[in-house]
């Protein structure tokens, strides 16, 4: 089962850090996220899951791809 991402996803620049800071627009993760065609990825990603309501819902494409990007970056 797959639930589509919320289209009202908070942008990195609008995210306020708990200690009073903000993410900079030139942050490498912010820059990378802006380059990714999220809607196209979400569409292709969702094709891998059934539409029935059985089981736990899959994680979003943002989480799946973001985790893979972070893992790859940490191995370099």
N, C-alpha and C. Protein backbone atom coordinates (compact mmCIF):
# COMPACT_ATOMS: atom_id res chain seq x y z
N UNK A 1 0.85 -1.17 0.00
CA UNK A 1 0.00 0.00 0.00
C UNK A 1 0.90 1.24 0.00
N UNK A 2 0.48 2.23 -0.75
CA UNK A 2 1.26 3.46 -0.85
C UNK A 2 0.34 4.67 -0.75
N UNK A 3 0.73 5.62 0.05
CA UNK A 3 -0.02 6.87 0.14
C UNK A 3 0.83 7.97 -0.48
N UNK A 4 0.23 8.75 -1.33
CA UNK A 4 0.98 9.81 -1.99
C UNK A 4 1.42 10.86 -0.98
N UNK A 5 2.55 11.48 -1.29
CA UNK A 5 3.07 12.56 -0.45
C UNK A 5 2.13 13.74 -0.43
N UNK A 6 2.21 14.47 0.64
CA UNK A 6 1.46 15.71 0.76
C UNK A 6 2.07 16.72 -0.20
N UNK A 7 1.25 17.27 -1.08
CA UNK A 7 1.76 18.25 -2.04
C UNK A 7 2.09 19.57 -1.38
N UNK A 8 1.69 19.74 -0.15
CA UNK A 8 1.99 20.96 0.60
C UNK A 8 3.25 20.79 1.45
N UNK A 9 4.17 19.97 0.98
CA UNK A 9 5.41 19.70 1.71
C UNK A 9 6.13 21.00 2.02
N UNK A 10 6.60 21.13 3.22
CA UNK A 10 7.33 22.31 3.65
C UNK A 10 8.64 22.39 2.89
N UNK A 11 8.97 23.57 2.39
CA UNK A 11 10.25 23.75 1.70
C UNK A 11 11.35 23.92 2.74
N UNK A 12 12.56 23.53 2.37
CA UNK A 12 13.67 23.60 3.31
C UNK A 12 13.87 25.01 3.86
N UNK A 13 13.71 26.01 3.00
CA UNK A 13 13.94 27.39 3.43
C UNK A 13 12.91 27.83 4.47
N UNK A 14 11.74 27.21 4.47
CA UNK A 14 10.69 27.58 5.41
C UNK A 14 10.75 26.79 6.72
N UNK A 15 11.66 25.84 6.79
CA UNK A 15 11.79 25.00 7.98
C UNK A 15 12.62 25.74 9.03
N UNK A 16 12.03 25.94 10.19
CA UNK A 16 12.74 26.60 11.28
C UNK A 16 13.31 25.56 12.22
N UNK A 17 14.58 25.69 12.51
CA UNK A 17 15.25 24.76 13.40
C UNK A 17 14.87 25.07 14.84
N UNK A 18 14.81 24.06 15.70
CA UNK A 18 14.36 24.27 17.08
C UNK A 18 15.23 25.22 17.89
N UNK A 19 16.48 25.37 17.49
CA UNK A 19 17.37 26.27 18.24
C UNK A 19 17.38 27.68 17.67
N UNK A 20 16.45 27.98 16.77
CA UNK A 20 16.28 29.34 16.29
C UNK A 20 16.96 29.65 14.97
N UNK A 21 17.49 28.67 14.30
CA UNK A 21 18.15 28.92 13.02
C UNK A 21 17.28 28.55 11.84
N UNK A 22 17.82 28.72 10.67
CA UNK A 22 17.15 28.32 9.43
C UNK A 22 18.17 27.62 8.55
N UNK A 23 17.69 26.76 7.68
CA UNK A 23 18.59 26.14 6.72
C UNK A 23 18.94 27.15 5.64
N UNK A 24 20.19 27.20 5.27
CA UNK A 24 20.61 28.14 4.24
C UNK A 24 20.25 27.61 2.87
N UNK A 25 19.95 28.50 1.96
CA UNK A 25 19.54 28.10 0.61
C UNK A 25 20.70 27.47 -0.16
N UNK A 26 21.95 27.71 0.28
CA UNK A 26 23.09 27.10 -0.40
C UNK A 26 23.55 25.80 0.28
N UNK A 27 22.79 25.31 1.25
CA UNK A 27 23.08 24.03 1.90
C UNK A 27 23.04 22.93 0.84
N UNK A 28 23.97 22.00 0.91
CA UNK A 28 24.06 20.98 -0.16
C UNK A 28 22.80 20.13 -0.27
N UNK A 29 22.12 19.86 0.83
CA UNK A 29 20.91 19.04 0.78
C UNK A 29 19.74 19.84 0.22
N UNK A 30 19.69 21.12 0.54
CA UNK A 30 18.65 21.99 0.00
C UNK A 30 18.83 22.11 -1.51
N UNK A 31 20.06 22.32 -1.95
CA UNK A 31 20.37 22.43 -3.37
C UNK A 31 20.01 21.14 -4.10
N UNK A 32 20.37 20.01 -3.54
CA UNK A 32 20.06 18.72 -4.15
C UNK A 32 18.55 18.50 -4.25
N UNK A 33 17.82 18.81 -3.20
CA UNK A 33 16.37 18.62 -3.19
C UNK A 33 15.68 19.46 -4.26
N UNK A 34 16.21 20.64 -4.54
CA UNK A 34 15.63 21.50 -5.57
C UNK A 34 15.83 20.93 -6.98
N UNK A 35 16.86 20.12 -7.17
CA UNK A 35 17.19 19.57 -8.48
C UNK A 35 16.41 18.29 -8.80
N UNK A 36 15.79 17.70 -7.82
CA UNK A 36 15.11 16.42 -8.00
C UNK A 36 13.66 16.64 -8.44
N UNK A 37 13.23 15.97 -9.52
CA UNK A 37 11.84 16.09 -9.98
C UNK A 37 10.94 15.19 -9.12
N UNK A 38 10.55 15.68 -7.95
CA UNK A 38 9.86 14.87 -6.95
C UNK A 38 8.55 14.27 -7.46
N UNK A 39 7.77 15.00 -8.21
CA UNK A 39 6.48 14.48 -8.69
C UNK A 39 6.68 13.29 -9.62
N UNK A 40 7.67 13.37 -10.50
CA UNK A 40 7.95 12.25 -11.41
C UNK A 40 8.46 11.04 -10.63
N UNK A 41 9.31 11.27 -9.68
CA UNK A 41 9.83 10.16 -8.87
C UNK A 41 8.71 9.53 -8.06
N UNK A 42 7.86 10.34 -7.46
CA UNK A 42 6.75 9.82 -6.67
C UNK A 42 5.82 8.97 -7.53
N UNK A 43 5.57 9.39 -8.75
CA UNK A 43 4.70 8.64 -9.66
C UNK A 43 5.31 7.27 -9.98
N UNK A 44 6.58 7.25 -10.36
CA UNK A 44 7.25 5.98 -10.69
C UNK A 44 7.36 5.09 -9.45
N UNK A 45 7.68 5.68 -8.32
CA UNK A 45 7.84 4.95 -7.07
C UNK A 45 6.53 4.28 -6.66
N UNK A 46 5.42 5.01 -6.81
CA UNK A 46 4.12 4.49 -6.38
C UNK A 46 3.65 3.32 -7.24
N UNK A 47 4.18 3.19 -8.46
CA UNK A 47 3.81 2.07 -9.33
C UNK A 47 4.28 0.72 -8.78
N UNK A 48 5.18 0.75 -7.83
CA UNK A 48 5.72 -0.49 -7.24
C UNK A 48 4.86 -1.05 -6.13
N UNK A 49 3.78 -0.37 -5.78
CA UNK A 49 2.95 -0.78 -4.65
C UNK A 49 1.51 -1.00 -5.09
N UNK A 50 0.84 -1.92 -4.43
CA UNK A 50 -0.56 -2.20 -4.76
C UNK A 50 -1.46 -1.12 -4.16
N UNK A 51 -2.69 -1.08 -4.65
CA UNK A 51 -3.65 -0.10 -4.17
C UNK A 51 -4.53 -0.62 -3.04
N UNK A 52 -4.35 -1.89 -2.67
CA UNK A 52 -5.22 -2.41 -1.59
C UNK A 52 -4.76 -1.84 -0.25
N UNK A 53 -5.60 -1.95 0.72
CA UNK A 53 -5.34 -1.36 2.04
C UNK A 53 -4.66 -2.31 3.01
N UNK A 54 -4.21 -3.46 2.52
CA UNK A 54 -3.57 -4.45 3.39
C UNK A 54 -2.13 -4.03 3.70
N UNK A 55 -1.73 -4.25 4.91
CA UNK A 55 -0.36 -3.99 5.31
C UNK A 55 -0.08 -2.54 5.65
N UNK A 56 1.13 -2.31 6.08
CA UNK A 56 1.56 -0.96 6.43
C UNK A 56 1.84 -0.16 5.16
N UNK A 57 1.54 1.12 5.19
CA UNK A 57 1.84 1.93 4.01
C UNK A 57 3.35 2.07 3.81
N UNK A 58 3.76 2.19 2.57
CA UNK A 58 5.17 2.37 2.25
C UNK A 58 5.62 3.77 2.66
N UNK A 59 6.89 3.91 2.88
CA UNK A 59 7.45 5.24 3.15
C UNK A 59 7.38 6.06 1.87
N UNK A 60 7.38 7.37 2.01
CA UNK A 60 7.29 8.25 0.85
C UNK A 60 8.56 8.18 0.01
N UNK A 61 8.44 8.62 -1.23
CA UNK A 61 9.60 8.67 -2.11
C UNK A 61 10.65 9.63 -1.57
N UNK A 62 10.21 10.71 -0.90
CA UNK A 62 11.15 11.66 -0.29
C UNK A 62 12.04 10.94 0.73
N UNK A 63 11.43 10.13 1.56
CA UNK A 63 12.19 9.43 2.59
C UNK A 63 13.09 8.36 1.96
N UNK A 64 12.54 7.59 1.02
CA UNK A 64 13.31 6.51 0.40
C UNK A 64 14.52 7.05 -0.37
N UNK A 65 14.29 8.03 -1.22
CA UNK A 65 15.39 8.58 -2.03
C UNK A 65 16.35 9.40 -1.16
N UNK A 66 15.80 10.15 -0.21
CA UNK A 66 16.65 10.94 0.68
C UNK A 66 17.57 10.06 1.51
N UNK A 67 17.05 8.95 2.00
CA UNK A 67 17.88 8.01 2.78
C UNK A 67 18.98 7.41 1.93
N UNK A 68 18.64 7.06 0.70
CA UNK A 68 19.64 6.50 -0.21
C UNK A 68 20.72 7.53 -0.53
N UNK A 69 20.32 8.78 -0.77
CA UNK A 69 21.28 9.84 -1.06
C UNK A 69 22.21 10.06 0.13
N UNK A 70 21.65 10.08 1.33
CA UNK A 70 22.46 10.29 2.54
C UNK A 70 23.43 9.13 2.75
N UNK A 71 22.95 7.91 2.53
CA UNK A 71 23.81 6.73 2.69
C UNK A 71 24.96 6.77 1.69
N UNK A 72 24.64 7.09 0.44
CA UNK A 72 25.66 7.15 -0.59
C UNK A 72 26.69 8.23 -0.28
N UNK A 73 26.22 9.39 0.15
CA UNK A 73 27.13 10.49 0.48
C UNK A 73 28.04 10.14 1.65
N UNK A 74 27.53 9.41 2.62
CA UNK A 74 28.33 9.08 3.80
C UNK A 74 29.39 8.02 3.50
N UNK A 75 29.22 7.28 2.41
CA UNK A 75 30.18 6.24 2.06
C UNK A 75 31.32 6.77 1.21
N UNK A 76 31.23 8.01 0.80
CA UNK A 76 32.29 8.59 -0.05
C UNK A 76 33.34 9.28 0.77
